[in-house]
Amino acid sequence: MTIRLYCFGESGNAYKAALTLTLAGLDWEPVYVDFFNGGARSPDFLALNPMGEVPVMIAEGVTFTQSGTMQLWAAEQSGRFGGRDAAETREVLRWMFWDNHKMSGQAGSLRFLMNFLPEEKRPQETIRWLSGRVKAALQTLERVLLDRDWLVGDGPTTADFACCGYLFYPEPFGFDRKAFPAIDAWLGRIEALPGWKHPYDMMPGSPADRA
């Protein structure tokens, strides 16, 4: 049974799930959610996810919300990208929780405010504050990756696929790969994994479609 992932290309959280499913070799198909025209607030979508958020995944008759649960399920099903023992699994989860709170939670909001709101409605004070938070998170990631190839263990895990979720997007939100050489090299290693695709090539929907 094919996994259905309700998603749209601009969503970094949906990309985390899509990337993990793809690299794990699981068969899935995208279901486009027209987020910018209220698709996540429609009655049909809210029946799937009362939180009104993308992504949503349906697999084996079970509905999943929140990208981290989808990543963990994909790792369990495939036997890939999870921790090799209990201690490593906890470390993977630690980075995924950090990403949700410190990286994606800030970068996603900043990217939205800087690119997807009309220019006259962009709150400059909020953008300045979030920019500082994102810079601090990027500095943390850079420090950790200076002396290791992957966030946990000696190979890629769902921790890497969570923390990179927003870092492949081209829209400006204070991240320049050249300014963070350790992150740049790490992203290059992820790009080299068999099956990797850019989010706009992996999921339907991009700013170009709405231009």
N, C-alpha and C. Protein backbone atom coordinates (compact mmCIF):
# COMPACT_ATOMS: atom_id res chain seq x y z
N MET A 1 0.84 -1.20 0.00
CA MET A 1 0.00 0.00 0.00
C MET A 1 0.88 1.25 0.00
N THR A 2 0.64 2.13 -0.95
CA THR A 2 1.45 3.33 -1.08
C THR A 2 1.14 4.31 0.05
N ILE A 3 2.19 4.87 0.60
CA ILE A 3 2.05 5.89 1.64
C ILE A 3 1.62 7.20 0.97
N ARG A 4 0.67 7.88 1.58
CA ARG A 4 0.22 9.17 1.07
C ARG A 4 0.71 10.27 2.01
N LEU A 5 1.42 11.23 1.45
CA LEU A 5 1.95 12.34 2.23
C LEU A 5 1.30 13.63 1.76
N TYR A 6 0.50 14.23 2.62
CA TYR A 6 -0.13 15.51 2.33
C TYR A 6 0.91 16.60 2.58
N CYS A 7 1.24 17.35 1.54
CA CYS A 7 2.41 18.22 1.62
C CYS A 7 2.31 19.34 0.59
N PHE A 8 3.27 20.24 0.64
CA PHE A 8 3.48 21.23 -0.43
C PHE A 8 4.95 21.62 -0.39
N GLY A 9 5.47 22.00 -1.54
CA GLY A 9 6.90 22.14 -1.71
C GLY A 9 7.56 23.14 -0.79
N GLU A 10 6.86 24.21 -0.42
CA GLU A 10 7.46 25.25 0.40
C GLU A 10 7.61 24.85 1.86
N SER A 11 7.04 23.74 2.27
CA SER A 11 7.05 23.35 3.68
C SER A 11 8.31 22.58 4.05
N GLY A 12 9.14 23.18 4.88
CA GLY A 12 10.32 22.49 5.36
C GLY A 12 9.99 21.30 6.24
N ASN A 13 8.90 21.39 6.98
CA ASN A 13 8.50 20.26 7.82
C ASN A 13 8.03 19.09 6.96
N ALA A 14 7.31 19.38 5.90
CA ALA A 14 6.91 18.30 4.99
C ALA A 14 8.14 17.70 4.31
N TYR A 15 9.12 18.54 4.03
CA TYR A 15 10.34 18.04 3.39
C TYR A 15 11.08 17.05 4.28
N LYS A 16 11.09 17.29 5.58
CA LYS A 16 11.74 16.34 6.50
C LYS A 16 11.13 14.95 6.35
N ALA A 17 9.80 14.89 6.30
CA ALA A 17 9.13 13.60 6.14
C ALA A 17 9.39 13.01 4.77
N ALA A 18 9.24 13.83 3.73
CA ALA A 18 9.42 13.34 2.36
C ALA A 18 10.84 12.85 2.14
N LEU A 19 11.82 13.58 2.64
CA LEU A 19 13.21 13.20 2.47
C LEU A 19 13.50 11.88 3.18
N THR A 20 13.00 11.72 4.40
CA THR A 20 13.25 10.49 5.14
C THR A 20 12.60 9.30 4.46
N LEU A 21 11.35 9.46 4.03
CA LEU A 21 10.67 8.37 3.32
C LEU A 21 11.44 7.98 2.06
N THR A 22 11.90 8.97 1.32
CA THR A 22 12.60 8.71 0.07
C THR A 22 13.92 7.99 0.31
N LEU A 23 14.73 8.52 1.21
CA LEU A 23 16.04 7.93 1.46
C LEU A 23 15.93 6.56 2.11
N ALA A 24 14.82 6.33 2.82
CA ALA A 24 14.59 5.02 3.42
C ALA A 24 14.09 3.99 2.41
N GLY A 25 13.79 4.44 1.19
CA GLY A 25 13.36 3.53 0.14
C GLY A 25 11.92 3.10 0.24
N LEU A 26 11.09 3.91 0.92
CA LEU A 26 9.67 3.57 1.09
C LEU A 26 8.85 4.20 -0.04
N ASP A 27 7.85 3.49 -0.48
CA ASP A 27 7.02 3.92 -1.60
C ASP A 27 5.97 4.91 -1.11
N TRP A 28 6.03 6.15 -1.60
CA TRP A 28 5.06 7.15 -1.15
C TRP A 28 4.67 8.04 -2.32
N GLU A 29 3.53 8.68 -2.16
CA GLU A 29 3.07 9.62 -3.17
C GLU A 29 2.62 10.91 -2.49
N PRO A 30 2.91 12.05 -3.12
CA PRO A 30 2.48 13.33 -2.53
C PRO A 30 1.02 13.63 -2.84
N VAL A 31 0.36 14.23 -1.87
CA VAL A 31 -0.98 14.77 -2.06
C VAL A 31 -0.85 16.27 -1.80
N TYR A 32 -1.02 17.06 -2.85
CA TYR A 32 -0.77 18.49 -2.73
C TYR A 32 -1.81 19.18 -1.86
N VAL A 33 -1.32 19.99 -0.92
CA VAL A 33 -2.18 20.84 -0.09
C VAL A 33 -1.93 22.28 -0.50
N ASP A 34 -2.97 22.96 -0.94
CA ASP A 34 -2.85 24.35 -1.39
C ASP A 34 -2.85 25.26 -0.16
N PHE A 35 -1.76 25.24 0.54
CA PHE A 35 -1.66 25.89 1.84
C PHE A 35 -1.94 27.39 1.75
N PHE A 36 -1.38 28.04 0.76
CA PHE A 36 -1.48 29.50 0.68
C PHE A 36 -2.88 29.98 0.29
N ASN A 37 -3.74 29.06 -0.11
CA ASN A 37 -5.13 29.41 -0.37
C ASN A 37 -6.07 28.70 0.60
N GLY A 38 -5.57 28.41 1.79
CA GLY A 38 -6.41 27.88 2.85
C GLY A 38 -6.62 26.38 2.85
N GLY A 39 -5.81 25.64 2.07
CA GLY A 39 -6.02 24.20 1.97
C GLY A 39 -5.89 23.46 3.28
N ALA A 40 -5.08 23.96 4.20
CA ALA A 40 -4.91 23.27 5.49
C ALA A 40 -6.00 23.64 6.49
N ARG A 41 -6.88 24.54 6.10
CA ARG A 41 -7.97 24.94 7.00
C ARG A 41 -9.33 24.49 6.48
N SER A 42 -9.34 23.71 5.41
CA SER A 42 -10.61 23.23 4.87
C SER A 42 -11.18 22.16 5.79
N PRO A 43 -12.50 21.97 5.79
CA PRO A 43 -13.09 20.94 6.64
C PRO A 43 -12.52 19.55 6.38
N ASP A 44 -12.28 19.23 5.11
CA ASP A 44 -11.74 17.90 4.80
C ASP A 44 -10.36 17.71 5.40
N PHE A 45 -9.53 18.75 5.30
CA PHE A 45 -8.18 18.61 5.85
C PHE A 45 -8.21 18.58 7.38
N LEU A 46 -9.04 19.41 7.98
CA LEU A 46 -9.12 19.43 9.44
C LEU A 46 -9.66 18.11 9.99
N ALA A 47 -10.42 17.39 9.17
CA ALA A 47 -10.86 16.06 9.59
C ALA A 47 -9.68 15.10 9.67
N LEU A 48 -8.65 15.35 8.83
CA LEU A 48 -7.42 14.54 8.89
C LEU A 48 -6.53 14.98 10.04
N ASN A 49 -6.40 16.29 10.19
CA ASN A 49 -5.50 16.84 11.21
C ASN A 49 -6.14 18.08 11.82
N PRO A 50 -6.75 17.95 13.00
CA PRO A 50 -7.39 19.10 13.64
C PRO A 50 -6.42 20.24 13.94
N MET A 51 -5.12 19.96 13.93
CA MET A 51 -4.13 21.01 14.15
C MET A 51 -4.03 21.95 12.95
N GLY A 52 -4.54 21.52 11.79
CA GLY A 52 -4.49 22.37 10.60
C GLY A 52 -3.09 22.59 10.10
N GLU A 53 -2.24 21.56 10.20
CA GLU A 53 -0.84 21.68 9.81
C GLU A 53 -0.45 20.61 8.81
N VAL A 54 0.52 20.97 7.98
CA VAL A 54 1.15 20.06 7.04
C VAL A 54 2.54 19.74 7.61
N PRO A 55 2.98 18.49 7.48
CA PRO A 55 2.43 17.38 6.70
C PRO A 55 1.47 16.51 7.50
N VAL A 56 0.74 15.70 6.74
CA VAL A 56 -0.04 14.58 7.26
C VAL A 56 0.35 13.36 6.44
N MET A 57 0.51 12.23 7.09
CA MET A 57 0.86 11.00 6.38
C MET A 57 -0.14 9.92 6.72
N ILE A 58 -0.57 9.19 5.71
CA ILE A 58 -1.43 8.03 5.92
C ILE A 58 -0.68 6.80 5.42
N ALA A 59 -0.46 5.86 6.34
CA ALA A 59 0.30 4.65 6.01
C ALA A 59 -0.32 3.47 6.76
N GLU A 60 -0.64 2.44 6.03
CA GLU A 60 -1.22 1.22 6.60
C GLU A 60 -2.46 1.54 7.43
N GLY A 61 -3.26 2.48 6.93
CA GLY A 61 -4.51 2.83 7.59
C GLY A 61 -4.37 3.72 8.80
N VAL A 62 -3.15 4.15 9.12
CA VAL A 62 -2.89 5.00 10.27
C VAL A 62 -2.57 6.41 9.79
N THR A 63 -3.15 7.41 10.45
CA THR A 63 -2.88 8.80 10.11
C THR A 63 -1.85 9.36 11.08
N PHE A 64 -0.78 9.93 10.52
CA PHE A 64 0.29 10.52 11.31
C PHE A 64 0.29 12.03 11.09
N THR A 65 0.50 12.78 12.16
CA THR A 65 0.77 14.21 12.05
C THR A 65 2.06 14.49 12.82
N GLN A 66 2.65 15.64 12.52
CA GLN A 66 3.96 16.06 13.02
C GLN A 66 5.06 15.25 12.32
N SER A 67 5.96 15.97 11.69
CA SER A 67 6.97 15.33 10.83
C SER A 67 7.86 14.36 11.58
N GLY A 68 8.16 14.66 12.84
CA GLY A 68 9.04 13.77 13.59
C GLY A 68 8.48 12.38 13.75
N THR A 69 7.17 12.26 13.95
CA THR A 69 6.58 10.92 14.09
C THR A 69 6.68 10.15 12.77
N MET A 70 6.57 10.86 11.66
CA MET A 70 6.69 10.22 10.34
C MET A 70 8.12 9.75 10.11
N GLN A 71 9.08 10.57 10.51
CA GLN A 71 10.48 10.18 10.38
C GLN A 71 10.79 8.95 11.21
N LEU A 72 10.33 8.94 12.44
CA LEU A 72 10.58 7.79 13.31
C LEU A 72 9.93 6.53 12.76
N TRP A 73 8.71 6.65 12.23
CA TRP A 73 8.02 5.49 11.65
C TRP A 73 8.80 4.98 10.44
N ALA A 74 9.28 5.90 9.59
CA ALA A 74 10.04 5.48 8.41
C ALA A 74 11.32 4.75 8.82
N ALA A 75 11.97 5.24 9.86
CA ALA A 75 13.18 4.58 10.33
C ALA A 75 12.86 3.19 10.88
N GLU A 76 11.77 3.06 11.60
CA GLU A 76 11.37 1.75 12.14
C GLU A 76 11.03 0.78 11.02
N GLN A 77 10.28 1.25 10.03
CA GLN A 77 9.84 0.37 8.95
C GLN A 77 11.01 -0.10 8.08
N SER A 78 11.95 0.79 7.86
CA SER A 78 13.05 0.48 6.94
C SER A 78 14.26 -0.12 7.65
N GLY A 79 14.33 0.07 8.97
CA GLY A 79 15.52 -0.36 9.69
C GLY A 79 16.72 0.52 9.40
N ARG A 80 16.49 1.73 8.91
CA ARG A 80 17.57 2.65 8.55
C ARG A 80 17.38 4.00 9.24
N PHE A 81 18.49 4.66 9.52
CA PHE A 81 18.51 6.04 9.97
C PHE A 81 18.05 6.26 11.41
N GLY A 82 17.89 5.18 12.18
CA GLY A 82 17.62 5.32 13.60
C GLY A 82 18.90 5.08 14.39
N GLY A 83 18.81 5.17 15.68
CA GLY A 83 19.97 4.88 16.51
C GLY A 83 20.28 3.40 16.54
N ARG A 84 21.57 3.08 16.70
CA ARG A 84 21.98 1.68 16.73
C ARG A 84 21.74 1.03 18.08
N ASP A 85 21.58 1.82 19.13
CA ASP A 85 21.27 1.30 20.45
C ASP A 85 20.45 2.36 21.18
N ALA A 86 20.08 2.07 22.43
CA ALA A 86 19.20 2.98 23.17
C ALA A 86 19.84 4.35 23.36
N ALA A 87 21.14 4.37 23.67
CA ALA A 87 21.81 5.65 23.89
C ALA A 87 21.84 6.48 22.62
N GLU A 88 22.12 5.84 21.48
CA GLU A 88 22.17 6.57 20.22
C GLU A 88 20.78 7.04 19.81
N THR A 89 19.76 6.22 20.07
CA THR A 89 18.39 6.62 19.77
C THR A 89 18.00 7.86 20.56
N ARG A 90 18.38 7.91 21.83
CA ARG A 90 18.09 9.10 22.62
C ARG A 90 18.80 10.32 22.05
N GLU A 91 20.02 10.13 21.56
CA GLU A 91 20.75 11.25 20.98
C GLU A 91 20.09 11.73 19.68
N VAL A 92 19.60 10.80 18.88
CA VAL A 92 18.85 11.18 17.68
C VAL A 92 17.63 12.02 18.07
N LEU A 93 16.89 11.56 19.07
CA LEU A 93 15.70 12.29 19.51
C LEU A 93 16.07 13.65 20.08
N ARG A 94 17.19 13.72 20.77
CA ARG A 94 17.62 15.01 21.33
C ARG A 94 17.80 16.05 20.23
N TRP A 95 18.43 15.64 19.13
CA TRP A 95 18.63 16.57 18.03
C TRP A 95 17.32 16.90 17.31
N MET A 96 16.43 15.93 17.20
CA MET A 96 15.15 16.22 16.56
C MET A 96 14.33 17.20 17.41
N PHE A 97 14.36 17.04 18.73
CA PHE A 97 13.65 17.99 19.60
C PHE A 97 14.31 19.37 19.53
N TRP A 98 15.65 19.39 19.49
CA TRP A 98 16.35 20.67 19.36
C TRP A 98 15.95 21.37 18.07
N ASP A 99 15.89 20.59 16.99
CA ASP A 99 15.51 21.19 15.71
C ASP A 99 14.12 21.82 15.78
N ASN A 100 13.17 21.08 16.35
CA ASN A 100 11.81 21.61 16.41
C ASN A 100 11.74 22.93 17.17
N HIS A 101 12.51 23.02 18.25
CA HIS A 101 12.41 24.19 19.11
C HIS A 101 13.36 25.31 18.70
N LYS A 102 14.58 24.96 18.32
CA LYS A 102 15.62 25.97 18.11
C LYS A 102 15.89 26.30 16.64
N MET A 103 15.76 25.32 15.75
CA MET A 103 16.10 25.56 14.35
C MET A 103 14.84 25.75 13.50
N SER A 104 14.13 24.68 13.22
CA SER A 104 12.99 24.79 12.31
C SER A 104 11.91 25.72 12.84
N GLY A 105 11.67 25.68 14.14
CA GLY A 105 10.63 26.53 14.70
C GLY A 105 10.91 28.00 14.49
N GLN A 106 12.20 28.37 14.44
CA GLN A 106 12.58 29.76 14.21
C GLN A 106 12.77 30.05 12.71
N ALA A 107 13.51 29.15 12.04
CA ALA A 107 13.83 29.39 10.62
C ALA A 107 12.58 29.38 9.75
N GLY A 108 11.65 28.46 10.04
CA GLY A 108 10.43 28.40 9.25
C GLY A 108 9.62 29.68 9.38
N SER A 109 9.50 30.19 10.61
CA SER A 109 8.74 31.43 10.82
C SER A 109 9.44 32.61 10.15
N LEU A 110 10.77 32.67 10.29
CA LEU A 110 11.51 33.78 9.70
C LEU A 110 11.40 33.75 8.18
N ARG A 111 11.57 32.59 7.59
CA ARG A 111 11.48 32.48 6.14
C ARG A 111 10.09 32.90 5.64
N PHE A 112 9.05 32.51 6.37
CA PHE A 112 7.70 32.88 5.98
C PHE A 112 7.53 34.40 6.04
N LEU A 113 7.96 35.02 7.15
CA LEU A 113 7.77 36.45 7.31
C LEU A 113 8.56 37.25 6.27
N MET A 114 9.75 36.76 5.92
CA MET A 114 10.61 37.50 5.01
C MET A 114 10.26 37.33 3.54
N ASN A 115 9.51 36.27 3.21
CA ASN A 115 9.32 35.94 1.80
C ASN A 115 7.87 35.77 1.36
N PHE A 116 7.01 35.31 2.25
CA PHE A 116 5.67 34.93 1.83
C PHE A 116 4.57 35.87 2.31
N LEU A 117 4.92 36.89 3.07
CA LEU A 117 3.98 37.96 3.38
C LEU A 117 4.20 39.12 2.41
N PRO A 118 3.16 39.88 2.10
CA PRO A 118 3.38 41.11 1.32
C PRO A 118 4.40 42.00 2.04
N GLU A 119 5.25 42.63 1.29
CA GLU A 119 6.36 43.38 1.88
C GLU A 119 5.89 44.38 2.92
N GLU A 120 4.76 45.03 2.66
CA GLU A 120 4.29 46.06 3.58
C GLU A 120 3.77 45.47 4.90
N LYS A 121 3.55 44.16 4.94
CA LYS A 121 3.03 43.52 6.16
C LYS A 121 4.11 42.78 6.94
N ARG A 122 5.35 42.87 6.52
CA ARG A 122 6.42 42.14 7.19
C ARG A 122 6.84 42.86 8.47
N PRO A 123 6.69 42.22 9.62
CA PRO A 123 6.98 42.88 10.91
C PRO A 123 8.49 42.94 11.18
N GLN A 124 9.07 44.08 11.01
CA GLN A 124 10.53 44.20 11.04
C GLN A 124 11.12 43.88 12.41
N GLU A 125 10.46 44.27 13.48
CA GLU A 125 10.98 43.96 14.81
C GLU A 125 11.00 42.45 15.04
N THR A 126 9.94 41.78 14.65
CA THR A 126 9.89 40.33 14.79
C THR A 126 10.95 39.67 13.93
N ILE A 127 11.13 40.16 12.72
CA ILE A 127 12.15 39.62 11.82
C ILE A 127 13.54 39.78 12.42
N ARG A 128 13.81 40.94 13.01
CA ARG A 128 15.12 41.15 13.64
C ARG A 128 15.33 40.17 14.80
N TRP A 129 14.32 39.98 15.61
CA TRP A 129 14.44 39.09 16.77
C TRP A 129 14.65 37.65 16.31
N LEU A 130 13.83 37.20 15.36
CA LEU A 130 13.97 35.83 14.87
C LEU A 130 15.31 35.63 14.16
N SER A 131 15.80 36.65 13.50
CA SER A 131 17.09 36.53 12.82
C SER A 131 18.19 36.21 13.82
N GLY A 132 18.14 36.82 14.99
CA GLY A 132 19.12 36.51 16.02
C GLY A 132 19.01 35.09 16.52
N ARG A 133 17.78 34.61 16.66
CA ARG A 133 17.56 33.23 17.11
C ARG A 133 18.08 32.22 16.08
N VAL A 134 17.81 32.49 14.81
CA VAL A 134 18.26 31.59 13.76
C VAL A 134 19.79 31.60 13.68
N LYS A 135 20.39 32.76 13.78
CA LYS A 135 21.86 32.84 13.76
C LYS A 135 22.47 32.02 14.89
N ALA A 136 21.88 32.10 16.08
CA ALA A 136 22.39 31.33 17.22
C ALA A 136 22.27 29.83 16.97
N ALA A 137 21.15 29.40 16.38
CA ALA A 137 20.97 27.97 16.08
C ALA A 137 21.97 27.50 15.04
N LEU A 138 22.19 28.32 14.02
CA LEU A 138 23.17 27.96 12.99
C LEU A 138 24.58 27.87 13.57
N GLN A 139 24.90 28.76 14.49
CA GLN A 139 26.22 28.71 15.11
C GLN A 139 26.39 27.44 15.94
N THR A 140 25.32 27.01 16.62
CA THR A 140 25.37 25.75 17.36
C THR A 140 25.63 24.59 16.41
N LEU A 141 24.89 24.53 15.32
CA LEU A 141 25.04 23.45 14.35
C LEU A 141 26.45 23.46 13.75
N GLU A 142 26.94 24.64 13.43
CA GLU A 142 28.29 24.76 12.86
C GLU A 142 29.34 24.23 13.82
N ARG A 143 29.25 24.59 15.08
CA ARG A 143 30.24 24.14 16.07
C ARG A 143 30.26 22.62 16.17
N VAL A 144 29.08 22.02 16.20
CA VAL A 144 28.99 20.57 16.37
C VAL A 144 29.54 19.84 15.15
N LEU A 145 29.31 20.38 13.96
CA LEU A 145 29.71 19.71 12.73
C LEU A 145 31.17 19.95 12.35
N LEU A 146 31.86 20.76 13.12
CA LEU A 146 33.28 21.01 12.81
C LEU A 146 34.13 19.75 12.90
N ASP A 147 33.75 18.84 13.81
CA ASP A 147 34.59 17.65 14.02
C ASP A 147 33.84 16.35 13.83
N ARG A 148 32.74 16.39 13.09
CA ARG A 148 32.02 15.15 12.79
C ARG A 148 31.31 15.28 11.45
N ASP A 149 31.06 14.15 10.81
CA ASP A 149 30.37 14.15 9.52
C ASP A 149 28.85 14.19 9.68
N TRP A 150 28.35 13.56 10.74
CA TRP A 150 26.91 13.43 10.97
C TRP A 150 26.60 13.81 12.41
N LEU A 151 25.37 14.17 12.67
CA LEU A 151 25.02 14.64 14.01
C LEU A 151 25.12 13.53 15.05
N VAL A 152 24.79 12.31 14.67
CA VAL A 152 24.80 11.20 15.62
C VAL A 152 25.48 10.00 14.97
N GLY A 153 26.47 9.44 15.64
CA GLY A 153 27.10 8.23 15.12
C GLY A 153 27.93 8.50 13.88
N ASP A 154 28.14 7.43 13.11
CA ASP A 154 29.03 7.53 11.95
C ASP A 154 28.28 7.46 10.62
N GLY A 155 26.98 7.72 10.65
CA GLY A 155 26.20 7.74 9.42
C GLY A 155 24.98 8.63 9.58
N PRO A 156 24.27 8.89 8.49
CA PRO A 156 23.10 9.77 8.56
C PRO A 156 21.96 9.15 9.36
N THR A 157 21.23 9.99 10.07
CA THR A 157 20.05 9.56 10.83
C THR A 157 18.93 10.56 10.62
N THR A 158 17.80 10.26 11.21
CA THR A 158 16.68 11.20 11.14
C THR A 158 17.03 12.53 11.79
N ALA A 159 18.03 12.55 12.68
CA ALA A 159 18.47 13.83 13.25
C ALA A 159 18.98 14.75 12.15
N ASP A 160 19.78 14.21 11.24
CA ASP A 160 20.28 15.02 10.13
C ASP A 160 19.15 15.49 9.22
N PHE A 161 18.21 14.58 8.94
CA PHE A 161 17.13 14.92 8.01
C PHE A 161 16.14 15.90 8.62
N ALA A 162 16.09 15.96 9.96
CA ALA A 162 15.27 16.97 10.62
C ALA A 162 15.96 18.33 10.58
N CYS A 163 17.23 18.34 11.01
CA CYS A 163 17.92 19.62 11.15
C CYS A 163 18.23 20.30 9.82
N CYS A 164 18.26 19.54 8.73
CA CYS A 164 18.53 20.16 7.42
C CYS A 164 17.27 20.65 6.74
N GLY A 165 16.10 20.42 7.34
CA GLY A 165 14.83 20.59 6.65
C GLY A 165 14.65 21.92 5.94
N TYR A 166 15.08 23.01 6.57
CA TYR A 166 14.89 24.33 5.95
C TYR A 166 16.14 24.84 5.23
N LEU A 167 17.25 24.13 5.34
CA LEU A 167 18.51 24.70 4.89
C LEU A 167 18.80 24.52 3.41
N PHE A 168 17.95 23.80 2.70
CA PHE A 168 18.13 23.67 1.26
C PHE A 168 17.29 24.69 0.48
N TYR A 169 16.45 25.46 1.16
CA TYR A 169 15.57 26.39 0.45
C TYR A 169 16.33 27.63 0.00
N PRO A 170 15.99 28.15 -1.18
CA PRO A 170 16.73 29.29 -1.73
C PRO A 170 16.28 30.65 -1.19
N GLU A 171 15.08 30.75 -0.63
CA GLU A 171 14.59 32.05 -0.18
C GLU A 171 15.45 32.56 0.99
N PRO A 172 15.73 33.84 1.04
CA PRO A 172 16.59 34.38 2.10
C PRO A 172 15.93 34.35 3.47
N PHE A 173 16.66 33.84 4.45
CA PHE A 173 16.21 33.92 5.84
C PHE A 173 17.42 33.96 6.78
N GLY A 174 18.50 34.55 6.29
CA GLY A 174 19.68 34.73 7.12
C GLY A 174 20.67 33.60 7.06
N PHE A 175 20.49 32.65 6.15
CA PHE A 175 21.41 31.53 6.04
C PHE A 175 22.13 31.58 4.70
N ASP A 176 23.47 31.66 4.78
CA ASP A 176 24.32 31.63 3.59
C ASP A 176 25.29 30.46 3.78
N ARG A 177 25.18 29.44 2.94
CA ARG A 177 26.02 28.25 3.11
C ARG A 177 27.50 28.59 3.17
N LYS A 178 27.93 29.57 2.40
CA LYS A 178 29.35 29.92 2.36
C LYS A 178 29.85 30.43 3.72
N ALA A 179 28.95 30.99 4.50
CA ALA A 179 29.34 31.53 5.80
C ALA A 179 29.46 30.46 6.87
N PHE A 180 29.01 29.25 6.57
CA PHE A 180 29.02 28.14 7.53
C PHE A 180 29.64 26.92 6.86
N PRO A 181 30.97 26.87 6.76
CA PRO A 181 31.61 25.81 5.97
C PRO A 181 31.33 24.40 6.48
N ALA A 182 31.21 24.20 7.78
CA ALA A 182 30.93 22.86 8.29
C ALA A 182 29.52 22.43 7.93
N ILE A 183 28.57 23.36 8.04
CA ILE A 183 27.19 23.05 7.63
C ILE A 183 27.15 22.80 6.13
N ASP A 184 27.85 23.62 5.37
CA ASP A 184 27.89 23.46 3.92
C ASP A 184 28.38 22.06 3.54
N ALA A 185 29.46 21.61 4.17
CA ALA A 185 29.99 20.28 3.86
C ALA A 185 29.01 19.19 4.26
N TRP A 186 28.35 19.36 5.39
CA TRP A 186 27.33 18.40 5.86
C TRP A 186 26.15 18.32 4.88
N LEU A 187 25.68 19.48 4.44
CA LEU A 187 24.60 19.48 3.45
C LEU A 187 25.03 18.80 2.17
N GLY A 188 26.29 18.99 1.80
CA GLY A 188 26.81 18.30 0.62
C GLY A 188 26.78 16.79 0.79
N ARG A 189 27.09 16.32 1.99
CA ARG A 189 27.03 14.87 2.23
C ARG A 189 25.59 14.36 2.13
N ILE A 190 24.65 15.15 2.62
CA ILE A 190 23.24 14.75 2.50
C ILE A 190 22.82 14.73 1.02
N GLU A 191 23.22 15.76 0.27
CA GLU A 191 22.90 15.83 -1.16
C GLU A 191 23.46 14.64 -1.93
N ALA A 192 24.56 14.07 -1.43
CA ALA A 192 25.20 12.95 -2.13
C ALA A 192 24.54 11.60 -1.83
N LEU A 193 23.59 11.57 -0.89
CA LEU A 193 22.93 10.31 -0.57
C LEU A 193 22.03 9.88 -1.73
N PRO A 194 22.02 8.59 -2.08
CA PRO A 194 21.20 8.11 -3.19
C PRO A 194 19.71 8.44 -2.99
N GLY A 195 19.14 9.12 -3.95
CA GLY A 195 17.72 9.46 -3.88
C GLY A 195 17.45 10.88 -3.44
N TRP A 196 18.48 11.60 -2.95
CA TRP A 196 18.24 12.97 -2.50
C TRP A 196 17.69 13.84 -3.63
N LYS A 197 16.73 14.67 -3.28
CA LYS A 197 16.22 15.68 -4.20
C LYS A 197 15.96 16.96 -3.43
N HIS A 198 16.05 18.07 -4.14
CA HIS A 198 15.68 19.37 -3.59
C HIS A 198 14.18 19.35 -3.25
N PRO A 199 13.77 20.09 -2.22
CA PRO A 199 12.34 20.06 -1.85
C PRO A 199 11.40 20.42 -2.98
N TYR A 200 11.78 21.37 -3.85
CA TYR A 200 10.89 21.75 -4.94
C TYR A 200 10.84 20.71 -6.04
N ASP A 201 11.78 19.77 -6.04
CA ASP A 201 11.73 18.66 -6.98
C ASP A 201 11.07 17.42 -6.37
N MET A 202 10.99 17.38 -5.04
CA MET A 202 10.46 16.22 -4.36
C MET A 202 8.96 16.32 -4.09
N MET A 203 8.48 17.56 -3.92
CA MET A 203 7.07 17.77 -3.57
C MET A 203 6.45 18.81 -4.50
N PRO A 204 5.15 18.72 -4.76
CA PRO A 204 4.51 19.70 -5.64
C PRO A 204 4.34 21.05 -4.93
N GLY A 205 4.44 22.11 -5.71
CA GLY A 205 4.24 23.46 -5.18
C GLY A 205 5.55 24.17 -4.93
N SER A 206 5.66 25.39 -5.46
CA SER A 206 6.82 26.24 -5.23
C SER A 206 6.41 27.69 -5.44
N PRO A 207 7.22 28.63 -4.97
CA PRO A 207 6.87 30.04 -5.20
C PRO A 207 6.69 30.37 -6.68
N ALA A 208 7.43 29.69 -7.55
CA ALA A 208 7.31 29.94 -8.99
C ALA A 208 5.90 29.64 -9.49
N ASP A 209 5.25 28.67 -8.87
CA ASP A 209 3.89 28.31 -9.29
C ASP A 209 2.89 29.40 -8.94
N ARG A 210 3.22 30.21 -7.94
CA ARG A 210 2.31 31.25 -7.48
C ARG A 210 2.70 32.62 -7.99
N ALA A 211 3.80 32.69 -8.75
CA ALA A 211 4.29 33.99 -9.22
C ALA A 211 3.33 34.60 -10.23
